[in-house]
Amino acid sequence: GLDEAVAALRDPNLHTRRLAAESLGRIGSSKAIPPILEALADGTNDRVLDHALTYALIEIGDAKAAARGLSHQSPRVRRACLAALSNIPDSGLEAKAVLAELDAKDATLRETAWWIASRHPQWGEQLADYFAQR
């Protein structure tokens, strides 16, 4: 169940953690989002585990809870939350949150922000303001 999958997010084995992330996405409970964000901050993750955790956020679909990760100190967490919110229908992801990461020190976070911005032509005015300030 939910508690077992959350506990498995802390397993030393990355494969076990990936299976836990997949399970949490299928379970679909918003209660799993804080532990998923915590797991995303773990520096021992590989790309596949980060992807599984991000996809779990998308499957759960609680944009409000996922958006809490946008202010996390870890760029890994912020990147995953941006990516998840950009894939959750009607998430309310705003240009401001994405533009704030266009100059991020973390290359992966910066690339994700640019990729998301490029997919939102309706943010043209905000992007123009961003470039004008540079």
C-alpha atoms as a PDB file:
ATOM      1  CA  GLY A   1       0.000   0.000   0.000  1.00  0.00           C
ATOM      2  CA  LEU A   2       0.848   3.648   0.286  1.00  0.00           C
ATOM      3  CA  ASP A   3       2.942   3.391   3.458  1.00  0.00           C
ATOM      4  CA  GLU A   4       5.045   0.521   2.094  1.00  0.00           C
ATOM      5  CA  ALA A   5       5.725   2.351  -1.171  1.00  0.00           C
ATOM      6  CA  VAL A   6       6.676   5.550   0.684  1.00  0.00           C
ATOM      7  CA  ALA A   7       9.062   3.543   2.893  1.00  0.00           C
ATOM      8  CA  ALA A   8      10.589   1.914  -0.201  1.00  0.00           C
ATOM      9  CA  LEU A   9      11.544   5.370  -1.522  1.00  0.00           C
ATOM     10  CA  ARG A  10      14.351   5.277   1.068  1.00  0.00           C
ATOM     11  CA  ASP A  11      15.635   1.825   0.091  1.00  0.00           C
ATOM     12  CA  PRO A  12      19.349   1.778  -0.788  1.00  0.00           C
ATOM     13  CA  ASN A  13      18.560  -0.065  -4.043  1.00  0.00           C
ATOM     14  CA  LEU A  14      17.710   2.351  -6.879  1.00  0.00           C
ATOM     15  CA  HIS A  15      15.587  -0.269  -8.648  1.00  0.00           C
ATOM     16  CA  THR A  16      13.442  -0.694  -5.522  1.00  0.00           C
ATOM     17  CA  ARG A  17      13.046   3.088  -5.300  1.00  0.00           C
ATOM     18  CA  ARG A  18      11.958   3.239  -8.981  1.00  0.00           C
ATOM     19  CA  LEU A  19       9.338   0.556  -8.369  1.00  0.00           C
ATOM     20  CA  ALA A  20       8.135   2.507  -5.324  1.00  0.00           C
ATOM     21  CA  ALA A  21       7.827   5.691  -7.410  1.00  0.00           C
ATOM     22  CA  GLU A  22       5.850   3.816 -10.077  1.00  0.00           C
ATOM     23  CA  SER A  23       3.574   2.357  -7.390  1.00  0.00           C
ATOM     24  CA  LEU A  24       2.949   5.766  -5.822  1.00  0.00           C
ATOM     25  CA  GLY A  25       1.998   7.201  -9.204  1.00  0.00           C
ATOM     26  CA  ARG A  26      -0.496   4.389  -9.748  1.00  0.00           C
ATOM     27  CA  ILE A  27      -1.896   4.692  -6.214  1.00  0.00           C
ATOM     28  CA  GLY A  28      -2.468   8.369  -6.977  1.00  0.00           C
ATOM     29  CA  SER A  29      -2.601   9.717  -3.439  1.00  0.00           C
ATOM     30  CA  SER A  30      -1.581  13.327  -2.803  1.00  0.00           C
ATOM     31  CA  LYS A  31      -0.190  12.122   0.537  1.00  0.00           C
ATOM     32  CA  ALA A  32       2.746  10.710  -1.446  1.00  0.00           C
ATOM     33  CA  ILE A  33       3.858  14.091  -2.809  1.00  0.00           C
ATOM     34  CA  PRO A  34       5.934  15.290   0.197  1.00  0.00           C
ATOM     35  CA  PRO A  35       7.916  11.999   0.315  1.00  0.00           C
ATOM     36  CA  ILE A  36       8.338  12.122  -3.474  1.00  0.00           C
ATOM     37  CA  LEU A  37       9.757  15.652  -3.210  1.00  0.00           C
ATOM     38  CA  GLU A  38      12.075  14.459  -0.438  1.00  0.00           C
ATOM     39  CA  ALA A  39      13.198  11.546  -2.630  1.00  0.00           C
ATOM     40  CA  LEU A  40      13.856  13.913  -5.542  1.00  0.00           C
ATOM     41  CA  ALA A  41      16.283  15.884  -3.353  1.00  0.00           C
ATOM     42  CA  ASP A  42      18.422  12.769  -2.837  1.00  0.00           C
ATOM     43  CA  GLY A  43      21.752  13.227  -4.626  1.00  0.00           C
ATOM     44  CA  THR A  44      22.203   9.469  -5.150  1.00  0.00           C
ATOM     45  CA  ASN A  45      19.338   9.242  -7.684  1.00  0.00           C
ATOM     46  CA  ASP A  46      20.026   8.399 -11.297  1.00  0.00           C
ATOM     47  CA  ARG A  47      18.136   9.937 -14.242  1.00  0.00           C
ATOM     48  CA  VAL A  48      15.751   6.995 -14.491  1.00  0.00           C
ATOM     49  CA  LEU A  49      14.718   7.310 -10.835  1.00  0.00           C
ATOM     50  CA  ASP A  50      14.274  11.083 -11.161  1.00  0.00           C
ATOM     51  CA  HIS A  51      12.086  10.443 -14.218  1.00  0.00           C
ATOM     52  CA  ALA A  52       9.990   7.865 -12.341  1.00  0.00           C
ATOM     53  CA  LEU A  53       9.506  10.266  -9.425  1.00  0.00           C
ATOM     54  CA  THR A  54       8.564  13.107 -11.801  1.00  0.00           C
ATOM     55  CA  TYR A  55       6.132  10.869 -13.655  1.00  0.00           C
ATOM     56  CA  ALA A  56       4.569   9.868 -10.319  1.00  0.00           C
ATOM     57  CA  LEU A  57       3.877  13.567  -9.665  1.00  0.00           C
ATOM     58  CA  ILE A  58       2.202  13.803 -13.078  1.00  0.00           C
ATOM     59  CA  GLU A  59       0.120  10.670 -12.478  1.00  0.00           C
ATOM     60  CA  ILE A  60      -1.009  11.891  -9.043  1.00  0.00           C
ATOM     61  CA  GLY A  61      -2.024  15.129 -10.743  1.00  0.00           C
ATOM     62  CA  ASP A  62      -2.276  17.327  -7.642  1.00  0.00           C
ATOM     63  CA  ALA A  63      -0.845  20.515  -9.124  1.00  0.00           C
ATOM     64  CA  LYS A  64      -1.261  22.529  -5.936  1.00  0.00           C
ATOM     65  CA  ALA A  65       0.761  20.041  -3.880  1.00  0.00           C
ATOM     66  CA  ALA A  66       3.399  19.629  -6.599  1.00  0.00           C
ATOM     67  CA  ALA A  67       3.759  23.412  -6.909  1.00  0.00           C
ATOM     68  CA  ARG A  68       5.029  23.520  -3.308  1.00  0.00           C
ATOM     69  CA  GLY A  69       8.251  22.015  -4.657  1.00  0.00           C
ATOM     70  CA  LEU A  70       8.910  25.098  -6.812  1.00  0.00           C
ATOM     71  CA  SER A  71      10.360  26.877  -3.771  1.00  0.00           C
ATOM     72  CA  HIS A  72      12.476  23.903  -2.621  1.00  0.00           C
ATOM     73  CA  GLN A  73      16.177  24.613  -2.147  1.00  0.00           C
ATOM     74  CA  SER A  74      17.132  21.624  -4.327  1.00  0.00           C
ATOM     75  CA  PRO A  75      17.310  22.368  -8.065  1.00  0.00           C
ATOM     76  CA  ARG A  76      16.488  18.684  -8.687  1.00  0.00           C
ATOM     77  CA  VAL A  77      13.159  19.112  -6.895  1.00  0.00           C
ATOM     78  CA  ARG A  78      12.364  22.393  -8.655  1.00  0.00           C
ATOM     79  CA  ARG A  79      13.193  20.860 -12.071  1.00  0.00           C
ATOM     80  CA  ALA A  80      10.941  17.862 -11.452  1.00  0.00           C
ATOM     81  CA  CYS A  81       8.084  20.058 -10.244  1.00  0.00           C
ATOM     82  CA  LEU A  82       8.366  22.348 -13.277  1.00  0.00           C
ATOM     83  CA  ALA A  83       8.376  19.331 -15.590  1.00  0.00           C
ATOM     84  CA  ALA A  84       5.435  17.727 -13.777  1.00  0.00           C
ATOM     85  CA  LEU A  85       3.362  20.913 -13.703  1.00  0.00           C
ATOM     86  CA  SER A  86       3.985  21.459 -17.410  1.00  0.00           C
ATOM     87  CA  ASN A  87       2.413  18.028 -18.010  1.00  0.00           C
ATOM     88  CA  ILE A  88      -0.511  18.191 -15.576  1.00  0.00           C
ATOM     89  CA  PRO A  89      -3.599  19.540 -17.389  1.00  0.00           C
ATOM     90  CA  ASP A  90      -4.816  22.874 -16.002  1.00  0.00           C
ATOM     91  CA  SER A  91      -1.961  22.959 -13.471  1.00  0.00           C
ATOM     92  CA  GLY A  92      -1.908  26.745 -13.386  1.00  0.00           C
ATOM     93  CA  LEU A  93       1.835  26.805 -14.079  1.00  0.00           C
ATOM     94  CA  GLU A  94       2.685  30.462 -14.540  1.00  0.00           C
ATOM     95  CA  ALA A  95       5.382  32.065 -16.643  1.00  0.00           C
ATOM     96  CA  LYS A  96       6.836  33.668 -13.508  1.00  0.00           C
ATOM     97  CA  ALA A  97       7.804  30.288 -12.004  1.00  0.00           C
ATOM     98  CA  VAL A  98       9.486  29.177 -15.225  1.00  0.00           C
ATOM     99  CA  LEU A  99      11.207  32.495 -15.966  1.00  0.00           C
ATOM    100  CA  ALA A 100      12.685  32.462 -12.457  1.00  0.00           C
ATOM    101  CA  GLU A 101      14.727  29.400 -13.453  1.00  0.00           C
ATOM    102  CA  LEU A 102      15.985  30.529 -16.889  1.00  0.00           C
ATOM    103  CA  ASP A 103      19.240  31.670 -15.280  1.00  0.00           C
ATOM    104  CA  ALA A 104      19.524  28.822 -12.750  1.00  0.00           C
ATOM    105  CA  LYS A 105      23.058  27.742 -11.874  1.00  0.00           C
ATOM    106  CA  ASP A 106      22.008  24.102 -12.266  1.00  0.00           C
ATOM    107  CA  ALA A 107      22.241  23.273 -15.982  1.00  0.00           C
ATOM    108  CA  THR A 108      19.500  20.640 -15.977  1.00  0.00           C
ATOM    109  CA  LEU A 109      17.054  22.964 -14.216  1.00  0.00           C
ATOM    110  CA  ARG A 110      17.959  25.803 -16.594  1.00  0.00           C
ATOM    111  CA  GLU A 111      17.481  23.575 -19.679  1.00  0.00           C
ATOM    112  CA  THR A 112      14.121  22.359 -18.381  1.00  0.00           C
ATOM    113  CA  ALA A 113      12.938  25.935 -17.803  1.00  0.00           C
ATOM    114  CA  TRP A 114      13.967  26.957 -21.342  1.00  0.00           C
ATOM    115  CA  TRP A 115      12.261  23.877 -22.810  1.00  0.00           C
ATOM    116  CA  ILE A 116       9.009  24.648 -20.971  1.00  0.00           C
ATOM    117  CA  ALA A 117       9.161  28.345 -21.906  1.00  0.00           C
ATOM    118  CA  SER A 118       9.619  27.405 -25.572  1.00  0.00           C
ATOM    119  CA  ARG A 119       6.371  25.411 -25.443  1.00  0.00           C
ATOM    120  CA  HIS A 120       4.285  28.371 -24.206  1.00  0.00           C
ATOM    121  CA  PRO A 121       3.975  30.989 -26.944  1.00  0.00           C
ATOM    122  CA  GLN A 122       1.328  32.723 -24.831  1.00  0.00           C
ATOM    123  CA  TRP A 123       4.175  33.785 -22.509  1.00  0.00           C
ATOM    124  CA  GLY A 124       5.758  35.876 -25.275  1.00  0.00           C
ATOM    125  CA  GLU A 125       5.204  39.174 -23.493  1.00  0.00           C
ATOM    126  CA  GLN A 126       6.772  37.919 -20.264  1.00  0.00           C
ATOM    127  CA  LEU A 127       9.712  36.456 -22.208  1.00  0.00           C
ATOM    128  CA  ALA A 128      10.172  39.783 -24.002  1.00  0.00           C
ATOM    129  CA  ASP A 129      10.318  41.503 -20.599  1.00  0.00           C
ATOM    130  CA  TYR A 130      12.876  38.910 -19.444  1.00  0.00           C
ATOM    131  CA  PHE A 131      15.106  39.648 -22.447  1.00  0.00           C
ATOM    132  CA  ALA A 132      14.662  43.393 -22.098  1.00  0.00           C
ATOM    133  CA  GLN A 133      15.972  43.192 -18.527  1.00  0.00           C
ATOM    134  CA  ARG A 134      19.094  41.339 -19.669  1.00  0.00           C
END
